[in-house]
Amino acid sequence: MILLKVVTYEDKPFVMKDLAASLQLSPGEITFGLERCKNSGLIDANKQNVQKLSLFEFLVHGLKYVFPVQQGKKARGIPTAYSASPVKDQIVTGKDDLVIWPYSKGNSRGYSIVPLYKTIPEVVLKDKKLYELLAIVECLRLGRRREVEIAIEELKKRLDV
């Protein structure tokens, strides 16, 4: 989530406290997360520039193994994965196939999945670019072959890889 937010800055410098506030995380969580990403080769040594190709490879090939989807019951929430833009604009799904992040103030009902981080449902309501990136990532974790193929193409566009 942290690196996807950094990607939305489009290579502009950022301040850690602003990044923390925008993601509703503590500055310590941001520092620890970026340090782990640096050690994994996903961000440069200055912790300012995302290694986009490495991030792309991790998201496409590794994320679903590190953070497997935890499906829940029908609930109220915010659409995600193939139920949210940009993937939903390219496929046809039934009303009963809606996938959501659970969120009590959400305006949709569907099958819930646990988000990568608990603050995501609230954060994405204020950040369209991050919402689209996270919905794409959820498609990679949850989707069937066609949805994953669409998600990969959308991710390539947004990461410019």
Protein backbone atom coordinates (compact mmCIF):
# COMPACT_ATOMS: atom_id res chain seq x y z
CA MET A 1 0.00 0.00 0.00
CA ILE A 2 2.81 2.40 0.86
CA LEU A 3 4.63 1.92 -2.43
CA LEU A 4 1.43 2.25 -4.44
CA LYS A 5 0.78 5.58 -2.73
CA VAL A 6 4.34 6.71 -3.54
CA VAL A 7 3.68 5.77 -7.19
CA THR A 8 0.71 8.17 -7.22
CA TYR A 9 3.12 11.03 -6.49
CA GLU A 10 4.52 10.47 -10.02
CA ASP A 11 8.20 10.81 -9.05
CA LYS A 12 7.64 14.03 -7.08
CA PRO A 13 9.39 14.19 -3.70
CA PHE A 14 7.24 13.53 -0.65
CA VAL A 15 7.46 14.04 3.08
CA MET A 16 7.08 10.97 5.31
CA LYS A 17 4.58 12.65 7.66
CA ASP A 18 2.33 13.56 4.70
CA LEU A 19 2.57 10.01 3.39
CA ALA A 20 1.65 8.68 6.83
CA ALA A 21 -1.32 11.04 7.15
CA SER A 22 -2.66 10.19 3.69
CA LEU A 23 -2.58 6.46 4.47
CA GLN A 24 -3.75 6.82 8.07
CA LEU A 25 -0.58 5.13 9.30
CA SER A 26 1.88 6.20 11.95
CA PRO A 27 5.20 7.70 10.84
CA GLY A 28 6.86 4.67 12.42
CA GLU A 29 4.84 2.29 10.24
CA ILE A 30 5.87 4.28 7.16
CA THR A 31 9.54 4.26 8.16
CA PHE A 32 9.50 0.52 8.91
CA GLY A 33 7.59 -0.28 5.71
CA LEU A 34 9.89 1.76 3.49
CA GLU A 35 12.95 0.21 5.12
CA ARG A 36 11.60 -3.28 4.36
CA CYS A 37 10.91 -2.20 0.79
CA LYS A 38 14.44 -0.80 0.47
CA ASN A 39 15.91 -4.07 1.76
CA SER A 40 13.77 -5.96 -0.77
CA GLY A 41 14.89 -3.78 -3.67
CA LEU A 42 11.44 -2.27 -4.21
CA ILE A 43 12.52 1.33 -3.52
CA ASP A 44 15.86 3.12 -3.87
CA ALA A 45 18.31 3.76 -1.01
CA ASN A 46 16.87 7.28 -0.48
CA LYS A 47 13.38 5.79 -0.13
CA GLN A 48 11.97 8.22 -2.68
CA ASN A 49 11.88 6.34 -5.99
CA VAL A 50 9.95 3.12 -6.41
CA GLN A 51 11.69 0.44 -8.46
CA LYS A 52 8.62 0.03 -10.65
CA LEU A 53 9.66 -3.05 -12.57
CA SER A 54 10.54 -4.87 -9.33
CA LEU A 55 7.25 -3.76 -7.77
CA PHE A 56 5.37 -4.94 -10.86
CA GLU A 57 7.04 -8.36 -10.72
CA PHE A 58 6.27 -8.72 -7.02
CA LEU A 59 2.63 -7.69 -7.40
CA VAL A 60 2.00 -9.96 -10.37
CA HIS A 61 3.94 -13.01 -9.23
CA GLY A 62 4.30 -12.88 -5.46
CA LEU A 63 1.60 -10.87 -3.74
CA LYS A 64 -1.09 -13.54 -3.78
CA TYR A 65 1.29 -15.93 -2.00
CA VAL A 66 2.46 -13.44 0.62
CA PHE A 67 -1.01 -11.94 1.19
CA PRO A 68 -3.59 -14.56 0.20
CA VAL A 69 -7.19 -13.42 -0.09
CA GLN A 70 -9.37 -13.97 2.94
CA GLN A 71 -12.96 -14.08 1.77
CA GLY A 72 -15.80 -13.26 4.10
CA LYS A 73 -19.57 -13.09 4.06
CA LYS A 74 -21.86 -10.69 2.26
CA ALA A 75 -21.46 -7.26 3.77
CA ARG A 76 -21.67 -3.54 3.16
CA GLY A 77 -18.56 -1.88 1.83
CA ILE A 78 -16.60 -0.41 -1.05
CA PRO A 79 -16.28 -2.23 -4.38
CA THR A 80 -12.85 -3.62 -5.20
CA ALA A 81 -11.03 -6.03 -7.53
CA TYR A 82 -13.06 -6.68 -10.68
CA SER A 83 -16.02 -4.85 -9.13
CA ALA A 84 -14.20 -1.49 -9.27
CA SER A 85 -12.68 0.64 -12.01
CA PRO A 86 -10.70 0.14 -14.13
CA VAL A 87 -11.26 -3.63 -14.43
CA LYS A 88 -15.05 -3.51 -14.02
CA ASP A 89 -15.22 -1.26 -17.09
CA GLN A 90 -13.78 -4.06 -19.23
CA ILE A 91 -15.76 -7.11 -18.08
CA VAL A 92 -19.34 -8.07 -17.48
CA THR A 93 -20.25 -9.44 -14.07
CA GLY A 94 -23.51 -10.17 -12.38
CA LYS A 95 -24.92 -8.08 -9.59
CA ASP A 96 -24.40 -11.02 -7.24
CA ASP A 97 -20.69 -11.18 -8.05
CA LEU A 98 -19.80 -7.87 -6.40
CA VAL A 99 -16.62 -7.97 -4.29
CA ILE A 100 -16.14 -5.37 -1.56
CA TRP A 101 -13.82 -4.30 1.19
CA PRO A 102 -16.00 -4.26 4.32
CA TYR A 103 -16.74 -0.71 5.45
CA SER A 104 -19.74 0.34 7.50
CA LYS A 105 -20.13 3.62 5.57
CA GLY A 106 -19.89 1.89 2.18
CA ASN A 107 -22.79 2.06 -0.26
CA SER A 108 -22.50 -1.37 -1.88
CA ARG A 109 -23.28 -4.92 -0.78
CA GLY A 110 -21.26 -7.88 -1.89
CA TYR A 111 -18.90 -10.62 -0.85
CA SER A 112 -16.22 -9.19 1.38
CA ILE A 113 -12.49 -9.68 1.22
CA VAL A 114 -10.06 -8.52 3.85
CA PRO A 115 -8.04 -5.59 2.46
CA LEU A 116 -4.26 -5.60 2.48
CA TYR A 117 -4.41 -3.11 5.35
CA LYS A 118 -7.28 -2.08 7.60
CA THR A 119 -7.25 1.63 6.65
CA ILE A 120 -7.67 1.01 2.91
CA PRO A 121 -11.48 1.37 2.71
CA GLU A 122 -11.40 4.83 4.25
CA VAL A 123 -8.22 5.99 2.51
CA VAL A 124 -9.38 5.14 -1.02
CA LEU A 125 -12.47 7.32 -0.69
CA LYS A 126 -10.14 10.34 -0.73
CA ASP A 127 -7.67 9.15 -3.39
CA LYS A 128 -8.93 7.94 -6.78
CA LYS A 129 -5.49 6.99 -8.15
CA LEU A 130 -4.67 4.89 -5.12
CA TYR A 131 -8.15 3.33 -5.20
CA GLU A 132 -7.64 2.18 -8.79
CA LEU A 133 -4.17 0.78 -8.04
CA LEU A 134 -5.40 -1.12 -5.00
CA ALA A 135 -8.43 -2.46 -6.87
CA ILE A 136 -6.07 -3.70 -9.60
CA VAL A 137 -3.89 -5.35 -6.96
CA GLU A 138 -6.95 -7.05 -5.45
CA CYS A 139 -7.72 -8.41 -8.91
CA LEU A 140 -4.26 -9.95 -9.00
CA ARG A 141 -4.95 -11.60 -5.63
CA LEU A 142 -8.51 -12.72 -6.34
CA GLY A 143 -9.28 -12.71 -10.03
CA ARG A 144 -9.67 -15.46 -12.53
CA ARG A 145 -7.46 -15.60 -15.60
CA ARG A 146 -9.30 -12.97 -17.68
CA GLU A 147 -9.52 -10.50 -14.80
CA VAL A 148 -5.85 -11.02 -13.93
CA GLU A 149 -4.84 -10.38 -17.55
CA ILE A 150 -6.78 -7.11 -17.56
CA ALA A 151 -5.31 -6.15 -14.19
CA ILE A 152 -1.77 -6.81 -15.44
CA GLU A 153 -2.31 -4.55 -18.46
CA GLU A 154 -3.80 -1.80 -16.27
CA LEU A 155 -0.91 -2.09 -13.82
CA LYS A 156 1.62 -1.84 -16.66
CA LYS A 157 0.00 1.42 -17.78
CA ARG A 158 0.02 2.92 -14.30
CA LEU A 159 3.57 1.86 -13.44
CA ASP A 160 4.85 2.63 -16.94
CA VAL A 161 6.65 -0.72 -17.28
